[in-house]
């Protein structure tokens, strides 16, 4: 479902994922899903800033360049998970 660019001892990964999922589902999914299916989006959960990319790396590199000290929630537009391994969906952190 998600990936984190980096982690911080003061921010629980589960909390970041939950906040990122909520931000994506409530505000961004309806914007991206009609025309960006399969692309990746890195979301900064607190500000709502987002960065689209054709790959996970592209989205995260753009996010980190703009906000180098922030954490990001990564998801794939229109999918339940960002990546699959061996044909099975997995959570990547």
PDB file of N, CA and C in Angstrom:
ATOM      1  N   UNK A   1       0.794  -1.181   0.000  1.00  0.00           N
ATOM      2  CA  UNK A   1       0.000   0.000   0.000  1.00  0.00           C
ATOM      3  C   UNK A   1       0.842   1.252   0.000  1.00  0.00           C
ATOM      4  N   UNK A   2       2.006   1.185   0.626  1.00  0.00           N
ATOM      5  CA  UNK A   2       2.716   2.423   0.800  1.00  0.00           C
ATOM      6  C   UNK A   2       4.196   2.199   0.923  1.00  0.00           C
ATOM      7  N   UNK A   3       4.909   3.275   0.864  1.00  0.00           N
ATOM      8  CA  UNK A   3       6.335   3.259   1.090  1.00  0.00           C
ATOM      9  C   UNK A   3       6.699   4.573   1.754  1.00  0.00           C
ATOM     10  N   UNK A   4       7.727   4.548   2.540  1.00  0.00           N
ATOM     11  CA  UNK A   4       8.187   5.753   3.195  1.00  0.00           C
ATOM     12  C   UNK A   4       9.527   6.133   2.605  1.00  0.00           C
ATOM     13  N   UNK A   5       9.730   7.412   2.348  1.00  0.00           N
ATOM     14  CA  UNK A   5      11.007   7.872   1.844  1.00  0.00           C
ATOM     15  C   UNK A   5      12.077   7.696   2.913  1.00  0.00           C
ATOM     16  N   UNK A   6      11.774   8.057   4.116  1.00  0.00           N
ATOM     17  CA  UNK A   6      12.662   7.878   5.252  1.00  0.00           C
ATOM     18  C   UNK A   6      11.812   7.856   6.499  1.00  0.00           C
ATOM     19  N   UNK A   7      12.352   7.386   7.583  1.00  0.00           N
ATOM     20  CA  UNK A   7      11.557   7.350   8.813  1.00  0.00           C
ATOM     21  C   UNK A   7      12.190   8.256   9.860  1.00  0.00           C
ATOM     22  N   UNK A   8      11.415   8.584  10.837  1.00  0.00           N
ATOM     23  CA  UNK A   8      11.845   9.466  11.913  1.00  0.00           C
ATOM     24  C   UNK A   8      11.437   8.841  13.234  1.00  0.00           C
ATOM     25  N   UNK A   9      12.293   8.910  14.258  1.00  0.00           N
ATOM     26  CA  UNK A   9      11.932   8.316  15.540  1.00  0.00           C
ATOM     27  C   UNK A   9      10.713   8.971  16.172  1.00  0.00           C
ATOM     28  N   UNK A  10      10.410  10.216  15.799  1.00  0.00           N
ATOM     29  CA  UNK A  10       9.287  10.900  16.420  1.00  0.00           C
ATOM     30  C   UNK A  10       7.972  10.632  15.703  1.00  0.00           C
ATOM     31  N   UNK A  11       8.022  10.016  14.527  1.00  0.00           N
ATOM     32  CA  UNK A  11       6.814   9.737  13.767  1.00  0.00           C
ATOM     33  C   UNK A  11       6.697   8.240  13.551  1.00  0.00           C
ATOM     34  N   UNK A  12       5.643   7.653  14.048  1.00  0.00           N
ATOM     35  CA  UNK A  12       5.412   6.239  13.847  1.00  0.00           C
ATOM     36  C   UNK A  12       5.107   5.985  12.376  1.00  0.00           C
ATOM     37  N   UNK A  13       5.696   4.941  11.807  1.00  0.00           N
ATOM     38  CA  UNK A  13       5.443   4.598  10.410  1.00  0.00           C
ATOM     39  C   UNK A  13       3.967   4.314  10.175  1.00  0.00           C
ATOM     40  N   UNK A  14       3.330   3.594  11.108  1.00  0.00           N
ATOM     41  CA  UNK A  14       1.910   3.288  10.951  1.00  0.00           C
ATOM     42  C   UNK A  14       1.067   4.554  10.938  1.00  0.00           C
ATOM     43  N   UNK A  15       1.423   5.519  11.764  1.00  0.00           N
ATOM     44  CA  UNK A  15       0.696   6.789  11.797  1.00  0.00           C
ATOM     45  C   UNK A  15       0.869   7.539  10.481  1.00  0.00           C
ATOM     46  N   UNK A  16       2.078   7.548   9.960  1.00  0.00           N
ATOM     47  CA  UNK A  16       2.338   8.215   8.685  1.00  0.00           C
ATOM     48  C   UNK A  16       1.538   7.557   7.564  1.00  0.00           C
ATOM     49  N   UNK A  17       1.517   6.239   7.548  1.00  0.00           N
ATOM     50  CA  UNK A  17       0.755   5.511   6.528  1.00  0.00           C
ATOM     51  C   UNK A  17      -0.731   5.840   6.646  1.00  0.00           C
ATOM     52  N   UNK A  18      -1.251   5.819   7.853  1.00  0.00           N
ATOM     53  CA  UNK A  18      -2.672   6.116   8.055  1.00  0.00           C
ATOM     54  C   UNK A  18      -3.018   7.540   7.604  1.00  0.00           C
ATOM     55  N   UNK A  19      -2.198   8.499   7.981  1.00  0.00           N
ATOM     56  CA  UNK A  19      -2.450   9.886   7.579  1.00  0.00           C
ATOM     57  C   UNK A  19      -2.324  10.057   6.067  1.00  0.00           C
ATOM     58  N   UNK A  20      -1.336   9.387   5.481  1.00  0.00           N
ATOM     59  CA  UNK A  20      -1.162   9.461   4.032  1.00  0.00           C
ATOM     60  C   UNK A  20      -2.315   8.822   3.275  1.00  0.00           C
ATOM     61  N   UNK A  21      -2.763   7.660   3.735  1.00  0.00           N
ATOM     62  CA  UNK A  21      -3.907   6.993   3.109  1.00  0.00           C
ATOM     63  C   UNK A  21      -5.151   7.861   3.197  1.00  0.00           C
ATOM     64  N   UNK A  22      -5.377   8.430   4.360  1.00  0.00           N
ATOM     65  CA  UNK A  22      -6.553   9.293   4.533  1.00  0.00           C
ATOM     66  C   UNK A  22      -6.493  10.495   3.610  1.00  0.00           C
ATOM     67  N   UNK A  23      -5.344  11.137   3.524  1.00  0.00           N
ATOM     68  CA  UNK A  23      -5.188  12.314   2.656  1.00  0.00           C
ATOM     69  C   UNK A  23      -5.443  11.910   1.199  1.00  0.00           C
ATOM     70  N   UNK A  24      -4.868  10.785   0.784  1.00  0.00           N
ATOM     71  CA  UNK A  24      -5.042  10.337  -0.600  1.00  0.00           C
ATOM     72  C   UNK A  24      -6.513  10.016  -0.892  1.00  0.00           C
ATOM     73  N   UNK A  25      -7.122   9.196  -0.044  1.00  0.00           N
ATOM     74  CA  UNK A  25      -8.504   8.760  -0.287  1.00  0.00           C
ATOM     75  C   UNK A  25      -9.491   9.919  -0.246  1.00  0.00           C
ATOM     76  N   UNK A  26      -9.325  10.828   0.717  1.00  0.00           N
ATOM     77  CA  UNK A  26     -10.300  11.907   0.905  1.00  0.00           C
ATOM     78  C   UNK A  26     -10.144  13.048  -0.082  1.00  0.00           C
ATOM     79  N   UNK A  27      -8.923  13.324  -0.529  1.00  0.00           N
ATOM     80  CA  UNK A  27      -8.725  14.531  -1.340  1.00  0.00           C
ATOM     81  C   UNK A  27      -8.100  14.300  -2.705  1.00  0.00           C
ATOM     82  N   UNK A  28      -7.320  13.242  -2.861  1.00  0.00           N
ATOM     83  CA  UNK A  28      -6.561  13.115  -4.102  1.00  0.00           C
ATOM     84  C   UNK A  28      -7.051  12.030  -5.048  1.00  0.00           C
ATOM     85  N   UNK A  29      -7.613  10.959  -4.531  1.00  0.00           N
ATOM     86  CA  UNK A  29      -8.026   9.839  -5.381  1.00  0.00           C
ATOM     87  C   UNK A  29      -8.972  10.289  -6.486  1.00  0.00           C
ATOM     88  N   UNK A  30      -9.946  11.105  -6.158  1.00  0.00           N
ATOM     89  CA  UNK A  30     -10.923  11.531  -7.159  1.00  0.00           C
ATOM     90  C   UNK A  30     -10.295  12.426  -8.228  1.00  0.00           C
ATOM     91  N   UNK A  31      -9.205  13.075  -7.904  1.00  0.00           N
ATOM     92  CA  UNK A  31      -8.504  13.924  -8.869  1.00  0.00           C
ATOM     93  C   UNK A  31      -7.639  13.072  -9.800  1.00  0.00           C
ATOM     94  N   UNK A  32      -6.903  12.111  -9.242  1.00  0.00           N
ATOM     95  CA  UNK A  32      -5.921  11.357 -10.016  1.00  0.00           C
ATOM     96  C   UNK A  32      -6.482  10.144 -10.747  1.00  0.00           C
ATOM     97  N   UNK A  33      -7.460   9.458 -10.159  1.00  0.00           N
ATOM     98  CA  UNK A  33      -7.881   8.180 -10.719  1.00  0.00           C
ATOM     99  C   UNK A  33      -8.507   8.260 -12.110  1.00  0.00           C
ATOM    100  N   UNK A  34      -9.159   9.341 -12.485  1.00  0.00           N
ATOM    101  CA  UNK A  34      -9.683   9.368 -13.852  1.00  0.00           C
ATOM    102  C   UNK A  34      -8.602   9.402 -14.940  1.00  0.00           C
ATOM    103  N   UNK A  35      -7.442  10.031 -14.654  1.00  0.00           N
ATOM    104  CA  UNK A  35      -6.486  10.218 -15.743  1.00  0.00           C
ATOM    105  C   UNK A  35      -5.037   9.827 -15.436  1.00  0.00           C
ATOM    106  N   UNK A  36      -4.759   9.314 -14.255  1.00  0.00           N
ATOM    107  CA  UNK A  36      -3.381   8.970 -13.892  1.00  0.00           C
ATOM    108  C   UNK A  36      -3.247   7.532 -13.389  1.00  0.00           C
ATOM    109  N   UNK A  37      -4.120   6.641 -13.834  1.00  0.00           N
ATOM    110  CA  UNK A  37      -4.073   5.248 -13.373  1.00  0.00           C
ATOM    111  C   UNK A  37      -2.700   4.634 -13.604  1.00  0.00           C
ATOM    112  N   UNK A  38      -2.202   3.963 -12.572  1.00  0.00           N
ATOM    113  CA  UNK A  38      -0.922   3.274 -12.660  1.00  0.00           C
ATOM    114  C   UNK A  38       0.279   4.131 -12.331  1.00  0.00           C
ATOM    115  N   UNK A  39       0.125   5.445 -12.285  1.00  0.00           N
ATOM    116  CA  UNK A  39       1.232   6.311 -11.902  1.00  0.00           C
ATOM    117  C   UNK A  39       1.406   6.254 -10.385  1.00  0.00           C
ATOM    118  N   UNK A  40       2.525   6.760  -9.918  1.00  0.00           N
ATOM    119  CA  UNK A  40       2.812   6.790  -8.488  1.00  0.00           C
ATOM    120  C   UNK A  40       2.649   8.205  -7.968  1.00  0.00           C
ATOM    121  N   UNK A  41       2.229   8.302  -6.722  1.00  0.00           N
ATOM    122  CA  UNK A  41       2.105   9.608  -6.081  1.00  0.00           C
ATOM    123  C   UNK A  41       2.701   9.529  -4.678  1.00  0.00           C
ATOM    124  N   UNK A  42       3.595  10.476  -4.402  1.00  0.00           N
ATOM    125  CA  UNK A  42       4.176  10.626  -3.069  1.00  0.00           C
ATOM    126  C   UNK A  42       3.452  11.796  -2.416  1.00  0.00           C
ATOM    127  N   UNK A  43       2.887  11.549  -1.247  1.00  0.00           N
ATOM    128  CA  UNK A  43       2.070  12.553  -0.562  1.00  0.00           C
ATOM    129  C   UNK A  43       2.714  12.915   0.768  1.00  0.00           C
ATOM    130  N   UNK A  44       2.845  14.204   1.015  1.00  0.00           N
ATOM    131  CA  UNK A  44       3.259  14.672   2.329  1.00  0.00           C
ATOM    132  C   UNK A  44       1.959  14.855   3.103  1.00  0.00           C
ATOM    133  N   UNK A  45       1.688  13.980   4.082  1.00  0.00           N
ATOM    134  CA  UNK A  45       0.365  13.922   4.703  1.00  0.00           C
ATOM    135  C   UNK A  45      -0.106  15.191   5.406  1.00  0.00           C
ATOM    136  N   UNK A  46       0.791  15.940   6.006  1.00  0.00           N
ATOM    137  CA  UNK A  46       0.361  17.105   6.773  1.00  0.00           C
ATOM    138  C   UNK A  46      -0.027  18.281   5.877  1.00  0.00           C
ATOM    139  N   UNK A  47       0.783  18.575   4.883  1.00  0.00           N
ATOM    140  CA  UNK A  47       0.504  19.712   4.004  1.00  0.00           C
ATOM    141  C   UNK A  47      -0.400  19.334   2.838  1.00  0.00           C
ATOM    142  N   UNK A  48      -0.390  18.048   2.478  1.00  0.00           N
ATOM    143  CA  UNK A  48      -1.154  17.608   1.318  1.00  0.00           C
ATOM    144  C   UNK A  48      -0.412  17.784   0.008  1.00  0.00           C
ATOM    145  N   UNK A  49       0.826  18.286   0.062  1.00  0.00           N
ATOM    146  CA  UNK A  49       1.602  18.404  -1.170  1.00  0.00           C
ATOM    147  C   UNK A  49       1.819  17.019  -1.738  1.00  0.00           C
ATOM    148  N   UNK A  50       1.811  16.922  -3.061  1.00  0.00           N
ATOM    149  CA  UNK A  50       1.963  15.627  -3.714  1.00  0.00           C
ATOM    150  C   UNK A  50       2.846  15.751  -4.940  1.00  0.00           C
ATOM    151  N   UNK A  51       3.416  14.618  -5.335  1.00  0.00           N
ATOM    152  CA  UNK A  51       4.357  14.566  -6.435  1.00  0.00           C
ATOM    153  C   UNK A  51       4.072  13.307  -7.237  1.00  0.00           C
ATOM    154  N   UNK A  52       3.663  13.484  -8.490  1.00  0.00           N
ATOM    155  CA  UNK A  52       3.356  12.365  -9.380  1.00  0.00           C
ATOM    156  C   UNK A  52       4.608  11.936 -10.120  1.00  0.00           C
ATOM    157  N   UNK A  53       4.672  10.641 -10.432  1.00  0.00           N
ATOM    158  CA  UNK A  53       5.768  10.125 -11.240  1.00  0.00           C
ATOM    159  C   UNK A  53       5.348   8.866 -11.954  1.00  0.00           C
ATOM    160  N   UNK A  54       5.983   8.574 -13.067  1.00  0.00           N
ATOM    161  CA  UNK A  54       5.672   7.342 -13.791  1.00  0.00           C
ATOM    162  C   UNK A  54       6.256   6.124 -13.081  1.00  0.00           C
ATOM    163  N   UNK A  55       7.228   6.363 -12.192  1.00  0.00           N
ATOM    164  CA  UNK A  55       7.795   5.308 -11.355  1.00  0.00           C
ATOM    165  C   UNK A  55       7.774   5.770  -9.907  1.00  0.00           C
ATOM    166  N   UNK A  56       7.907   4.814  -8.999  1.00  0.00           N
ATOM    167  CA  UNK A  56       7.966   5.157  -7.574  1.00  0.00           C
ATOM    168  C   UNK A  56       9.169   6.051  -7.307  1.00  0.00           C
ATOM    169  N   UNK A  57      10.288   5.714  -7.908  1.00  0.00           N
ATOM    170  CA  UNK A  57      11.505   6.512  -7.705  1.00  0.00           C
ATOM    171  C   UNK A  57      11.321   7.939  -8.181  1.00  0.00           C
ATOM    172  N   UNK A  58      10.704   8.131  -9.332  1.00  0.00           N
ATOM    173  CA  UNK A  58      10.502   9.481  -9.862  1.00  0.00           C
ATOM    174  C   UNK A  58       9.642  10.319  -8.914  1.00  0.00           C
ATOM    175  N   UNK A  59       8.579   9.734  -8.387  1.00  0.00           N
ATOM    176  CA  UNK A  59       7.711  10.471  -7.456  1.00  0.00           C
ATOM    177  C   UNK A  59       8.463  10.818  -6.177  1.00  0.00           C
ATOM    178  N   UNK A  60       9.228   9.876  -5.645  1.00  0.00           N
ATOM    179  CA  UNK A  60       9.946  10.118  -4.400  1.00  0.00           C
ATOM    180  C   UNK A  60      11.124  11.070  -4.574  1.00  0.00           C
ATOM    181  N   UNK A  61      11.808  11.004  -5.705  1.00  0.00           N
ATOM    182  CA  UNK A  61      12.911  11.938  -5.961  1.00  0.00           C
ATOM    183  C   UNK A  61      12.378  13.364  -6.050  1.00  0.00           C
ATOM    184  N   UNK A  62      11.266  13.556  -6.759  1.00  0.00           N
ATOM    185  CA  UNK A  62      10.656  14.889  -6.862  1.00  0.00           C
ATOM    186  C   UNK A  62      10.212  15.386  -5.485  1.00  0.00           C
ATOM    187  N   UNK A  63       9.611  14.498  -4.703  1.00  0.00           N
ATOM    188  CA  UNK A  63       9.140  14.870  -3.368  1.00  0.00           C
ATOM    189  C   UNK A  63      10.310  15.281  -2.484  1.00  0.00           C
ATOM    190  N   UNK A  64      11.351  14.474  -2.504  1.00  0.00           N
ATOM    191  CA  UNK A  64      12.514  14.757  -1.659  1.00  0.00           C
ATOM    192  C   UNK A  64      13.232  16.036  -2.104  1.00  0.00           C
ATOM    193  N   UNK A  65      13.270  16.304  -3.404  1.00  0.00           N
ATOM    194  CA  UNK A  65      13.913  17.532  -3.900  1.00  0.00           C
ATOM    195  C   UNK A  65      13.160  18.766  -3.406  1.00  0.00           C
ATOM    196  N   UNK A  66      11.845  18.688  -3.373  1.00  0.00           N
ATOM    197  CA  UNK A  66      11.033  19.830  -2.943  1.00  0.00           C
ATOM    198  C   UNK A  66      10.985  19.983  -1.423  1.00  0.00           C
ATOM    199  N   UNK A  67      10.930  18.857  -0.720  1.00  0.00           N
ATOM    200  CA  UNK A  67      10.785  18.864   0.743  1.00  0.00           C
ATOM    201  C   UNK A  67      11.774  17.872   1.352  1.00  0.00           C
ATOM    202  N   UNK A  68      13.059  18.214   1.374  1.00  0.00           N
ATOM    203  CA  UNK A  68      14.089  17.238   1.764  1.00  0.00           C
ATOM    204  C   UNK A  68      14.016  16.739   3.203  1.00  0.00           C
ATOM    205  N   UNK A  69      13.327  17.437   4.065  1.00  0.00           N
ATOM    206  CA  UNK A  69      13.263  17.032   5.473  1.00  0.00           C
ATOM    207  C   UNK A  69      11.945  16.388   5.858  1.00  0.00           C
ATOM    208  N   UNK A  70      11.106  16.101   4.883  1.00  0.00           N
ATOM    209  CA  UNK A  70       9.780  15.563   5.174  1.00  0.00           C
ATOM    210  C   UNK A  70       9.690  14.070   4.854  1.00  0.00           C
ATOM    211  N   UNK A  71       8.644  13.466   5.391  1.00  0.00           N
ATOM    212  CA  UNK A  71       8.331  12.064   5.146  1.00  0.00           C
ATOM    213  C   UNK A  71       7.169  11.990   4.161  1.00  0.00           C
ATOM    214  N   UNK A  72       7.105  10.921   3.376  1.00  0.00           N
ATOM    215  CA  UNK A  72       6.088  10.801   2.338  1.00  0.00           C
ATOM    216  C   UNK A  72       5.414   9.447   2.359  1.00  0.00           C
ATOM    217  N   UNK A  73       4.151   9.462   2.014  1.00  0.00           N
ATOM    218  CA  UNK A  73       3.357   8.261   1.791  1.00  0.00           C
ATOM    219  C   UNK A  73       3.344   8.040   0.288  1.00  0.00           C
ATOM    220  N   UNK A  74       3.681   6.830  -0.153  1.00  0.00           N
ATOM    221  CA  UNK A  74       3.723   6.504  -1.574  1.00  0.00           C
ATOM    222  C   UNK A  74       2.648   5.501  -1.900  1.00  0.00           C
ATOM    223  N   UNK A  75       1.892   5.776  -2.948  1.00  0.00           N
ATOM    224  CA  UNK A  75       0.902   4.816  -3.409  1.00  0.00           C
ATOM    225  C   UNK A  75       0.853   4.858  -4.929  1.00  0.00           C
ATOM    226  N   UNK A  76       0.197   3.868  -5.487  1.00  0.00           N
ATOM    227  CA  UNK A  76       0.013   3.804  -6.931  1.00  0.00           C
ATOM    228  C   UNK A  76      -1.442   4.139  -7.221  1.00  0.00           C
ATOM    229  N   UNK A  77      -1.652   5.070  -8.104  1.00  0.00           N
ATOM    230  CA  UNK A  77      -2.992   5.564  -8.413  1.00  0.00           C
ATOM    231  C   UNK A  77      -3.854   4.431  -8.965  1.00  0.00           C
ATOM    232  N   UNK A  78      -5.007   4.228  -8.313  1.00  0.00           N
ATOM    233  CA  UNK A  78      -5.962   3.224  -8.758  1.00  0.00           C
ATOM    234  C   UNK A  78      -5.645   1.806  -8.328  1.00  0.00           C
ATOM    235  N   UNK A  79      -4.659   1.627  -7.461  1.00  0.00           N
ATOM    236  CA  UNK A  79      -4.262   0.298  -6.998  1.00  0.00           C
ATOM    237  C   UNK A  79      -4.303   0.252  -5.477  1.00  0.00           C
ATOM    238  N   UNK A  80      -4.463  -0.946  -4.947  1.00  0.00           N
ATOM    239  CA  UNK A  80      -4.463  -1.119  -3.490  1.00  0.00           C
ATOM    240  C   UNK A  80      -3.052  -1.082  -2.917  1.00  0.00           C
ATOM    241  N   UNK A  81      -2.054  -1.424  -3.729  1.00  0.00           N
ATOM    242  CA  UNK A  81      -0.671  -1.445  -3.265  1.00  0.00           C
ATOM    243  C   UNK A  81       0.211  -0.703  -4.249  1.00  0.00           C
ATOM    244  N   UNK A  82       1.366  -0.263  -3.779  1.00  0.00           N
ATOM    245  CA  UNK A  82       2.304   0.418  -4.661  1.00  0.00           C
ATOM    246  C   UNK A  82       3.038  -0.584  -5.548  1.00  0.00           C
ATOM    247  N   UNK A  83       3.338  -1.778  -5.003  1.00  0.00           N
ATOM    248  CA  UNK A  83       4.103  -2.779  -5.733  1.00  0.00           C
ATOM    249  C   UNK A  83       3.560  -4.177  -5.444  1.00  0.00           C
ATOM    250  N   UNK A  84       3.865  -5.107  -6.325  1.00  0.00           N
ATOM    251  CA  UNK A  84       3.582  -6.515  -6.065  1.00  0.00           C
ATOM    252  C   UNK A  84       4.877  -7.297  -6.178  1.00  0.00           C
ATOM    253  N   UNK A  85       4.968  -8.381  -5.426  1.00  0.00           N
ATOM    254  CA  UNK A  85       6.129  -9.256  -5.445  1.00  0.00           C
ATOM    255  C   UNK A  85       5.629 -10.665  -5.683  1.00  0.00           C
ATOM    256  N   UNK A  86       6.126 -11.333  -6.701  1.00  0.00           N
ATOM    257  CA  UNK A  86       5.733 -12.703  -6.984  1.00  0.00           C
ATOM    258  C   UNK A  86       4.247 -12.859  -7.262  1.00  0.00           C
ATOM    259  N   UNK A  87       3.632 -11.832  -7.802  1.00  0.00           N
ATOM    260  CA  UNK A  87       2.203 -11.911  -8.121  1.00  0.00           C
ATOM    261  C   UNK A  87       1.281 -11.666  -6.946  1.00  0.00           C
ATOM    262  N   UNK A  88       1.861 -11.382  -5.782  1.00  0.00           N
ATOM    263  CA  UNK A  88       1.049 -11.120  -4.588  1.00  0.00           C
ATOM    264  C   UNK A  88       1.301  -9.694  -4.125  1.00  0.00           C
ATOM    265  N   UNK A  89       0.250  -9.026  -3.744  1.00  0.00           N
ATOM    266  CA  UNK A  89       0.388  -7.654  -3.247  1.00  0.00           C
ATOM    267  C   UNK A  89       1.117  -7.666  -1.918  1.00  0.00           C
ATOM    268  N   UNK A  90       2.004  -6.712  -1.738  1.00  0.00           N
ATOM    269  CA  UNK A  90       2.748  -6.592  -0.474  1.00  0.00           C
ATOM    270  C   UNK A  90       2.765  -5.147  -0.021  1.00  0.00           C
ATOM    271  N   UNK A  91       2.939  -4.973   1.266  1.00  0.00           N
ATOM    272  CA  UNK A  91       3.139  -3.645   1.827  1.00  0.00           C
ATOM    273  C   UNK A  91       4.624  -3.380   1.850  1.00  0.00           C
ATOM    274  N   UNK A  92       5.034  -2.245   1.352  1.00  0.00           N
ATOM    275  CA  UNK A  92       6.443  -1.892   1.355  1.00  0.00           C
ATOM    276  C   UNK A  92       6.613  -0.664   2.231  1.00  0.00           C
ATOM    277  N   UNK A  93       7.558  -0.758   3.150  1.00  0.00           N
ATOM    278  CA  UNK A  93       7.839   0.361   4.051  1.00  0.00           C
ATOM    279  C   UNK A  93       9.275   0.741   3.957  1.00  0.00           C
TER     280      UNK A  93
END
